[in-house]
C-alpha atoms as a PDB file:
ATOM      1  CA  MET A   1       4.315 -27.605   6.679  1.00  0.00           C
ATOM      2  CA  ASN A   2       5.900 -24.687   4.845  1.00  0.00           C
ATOM      3  CA  ALA A   3       2.955 -22.692   3.520  1.00  0.00           C
ATOM      4  CA  ARG A   4       4.728 -20.803   0.741  1.00  0.00           C
ATOM      5  CA  TYR A   5       4.466 -22.009  -2.815  1.00  0.00           C
ATOM      6  CA  ALA A   6       7.344 -24.334  -1.932  1.00  0.00           C
ATOM      7  CA  THR A   7       4.709 -26.699  -0.503  1.00  0.00           C
ATOM      8  CA  TYR A   8       4.099 -27.503  -4.150  1.00  0.00           C
ATOM      9  CA  ARG A   9       6.670 -29.648  -5.909  1.00  0.00           C
ATOM     10  CA  ARG A  10       6.999 -26.747  -8.353  1.00  0.00           C
ATOM     11  CA  LYS A  11       5.565 -23.261  -8.708  1.00  0.00           C
ATOM     12  CA  PRO A  12       1.791 -23.234  -9.156  1.00  0.00           C
ATOM     13  CA  ARG A  13       0.374 -22.977 -12.652  1.00  0.00           C
ATOM     14  CA  TYR A  14      -1.257 -19.598 -12.493  1.00  0.00           C
ATOM     15  CA  LYS A  15      -4.386 -18.943 -14.509  1.00  0.00           C
ATOM     16  CA  SER A  16      -3.324 -15.494 -15.647  1.00  0.00           C
ATOM     17  CA  TYR A  17      -0.310 -13.296 -16.157  1.00  0.00           C
ATOM     18  CA  MET A  18      -1.443 -10.963 -13.365  1.00  0.00           C
ATOM     19  CA  GLU A  19      -1.759 -13.840 -10.877  1.00  0.00           C
ATOM     20  CA  ARG A  20       1.791 -14.890 -11.766  1.00  0.00           C
ATOM     21  CA  GLN A  21       3.011 -11.329 -11.169  1.00  0.00           C
ATOM     22  CA  ILE A  22       1.340 -11.263  -7.737  1.00  0.00           C
ATOM     23  CA  GLY A  23       2.706 -14.708  -6.804  1.00  0.00           C
ATOM     24  CA  ASP A  24       6.211 -13.666  -7.861  1.00  0.00           C
ATOM     25  CA  LEU A  25       5.893 -10.479  -5.778  1.00  0.00           C
ATOM     26  CA  PHE A  26       4.886 -12.481  -2.686  1.00  0.00           C
ATOM     27  CA  GLU A  27       7.815 -14.835  -3.228  1.00  0.00           C
ATOM     28  CA  LYS A  28      10.276 -11.975  -3.773  1.00  0.00           C
ATOM     29  CA  HIS A  29       9.253 -10.412  -0.453  1.00  0.00           C
ATOM     30  CA  ASN A  30       9.029 -13.762   1.394  1.00  0.00           C
ATOM     31  CA  ILE A  31       5.300 -13.381   2.019  1.00  0.00           C
ATOM     32  CA  PRO A  32       3.845 -16.828   2.731  1.00  0.00           C
ATOM     33  CA  PHE A  33       0.851 -17.755   0.582  1.00  0.00           C
ATOM     34  CA  ILE A  34      -1.151 -20.639  -0.769  1.00  0.00           C
ATOM     35  CA  TYR A  35      -2.527 -20.417  -4.289  1.00  0.00           C
ATOM     36  CA  GLU A  36      -6.199 -21.375  -4.738  1.00  0.00           C
ATOM     37  CA  LYS A  37      -6.599 -23.009  -1.329  1.00  0.00           C
ATOM     38  CA  PRO A  38     -10.095 -24.539  -1.054  1.00  0.00           C
ATOM     39  CA  THR A  39     -12.086 -22.532   1.493  1.00  0.00           C
ATOM     40  CA  ALA A  40     -15.475 -23.505   2.946  1.00  0.00           C
ATOM     41  CA  VAL A  41     -17.922 -20.582   2.978  1.00  0.00           C
ATOM     42  CA  VAL A  42     -21.492 -20.556   4.276  1.00  0.00           C
ATOM     43  CA  ASP A  43     -23.639 -18.653   1.776  1.00  0.00           C
ATOM     44  CA  TYR A  44     -27.368 -18.312   2.516  1.00  0.00           C
ATOM     45  CA  GLY A  45     -27.228 -21.326   4.810  1.00  0.00           C
ATOM     46  CA  LYS A  46     -25.433 -23.567   2.325  1.00  0.00           C
ATOM     47  CA  THR A  47     -21.785 -24.531   2.582  1.00  0.00           C
ATOM     48  CA  LYS A  48     -19.880 -23.930  -0.627  1.00  0.00           C
ATOM     49  CA  ILE A  49     -16.230 -24.426  -1.526  1.00  0.00           C
ATOM     50  CA  TRP A  50     -14.557 -21.325  -2.925  1.00  0.00           C
ATOM     51  CA  TYR A  51     -11.044 -21.064  -4.339  1.00  0.00           C
ATOM     52  CA  PRO A  52      -9.647 -17.583  -3.638  1.00  0.00           C
ATOM     53  CA  ASP A  53      -6.629 -16.751  -5.792  1.00  0.00           C
ATOM     54  CA  PHE A  54      -4.304 -16.298  -2.802  1.00  0.00           C
ATOM     55  CA  THR A  55      -4.556 -17.108   0.895  1.00  0.00           C
ATOM     56  CA  LEU A  56      -2.291 -15.062   3.158  1.00  0.00           C
ATOM     57  CA  GLY A  57      -1.711 -14.910   6.886  1.00  0.00           C
ATOM     58  CA  ASN A  58      -1.727 -17.754   9.393  1.00  0.00           C
ATOM     59  CA  LEU A  59      -1.433 -20.716   7.109  1.00  0.00           C
END
């Protein structure tokens, strides 16, 4: 699976202008990312789902 925004049928709908600027910068420089990928985090012994703005790296 191609992990760049191209995994979406179209560009993601960013929540802010600044997020769009960052996403466009990643795309311009061919940096693979996933926008708001659900991430499980254990916080004080409880598992919670967080949605970081961008996930980079080994996707």
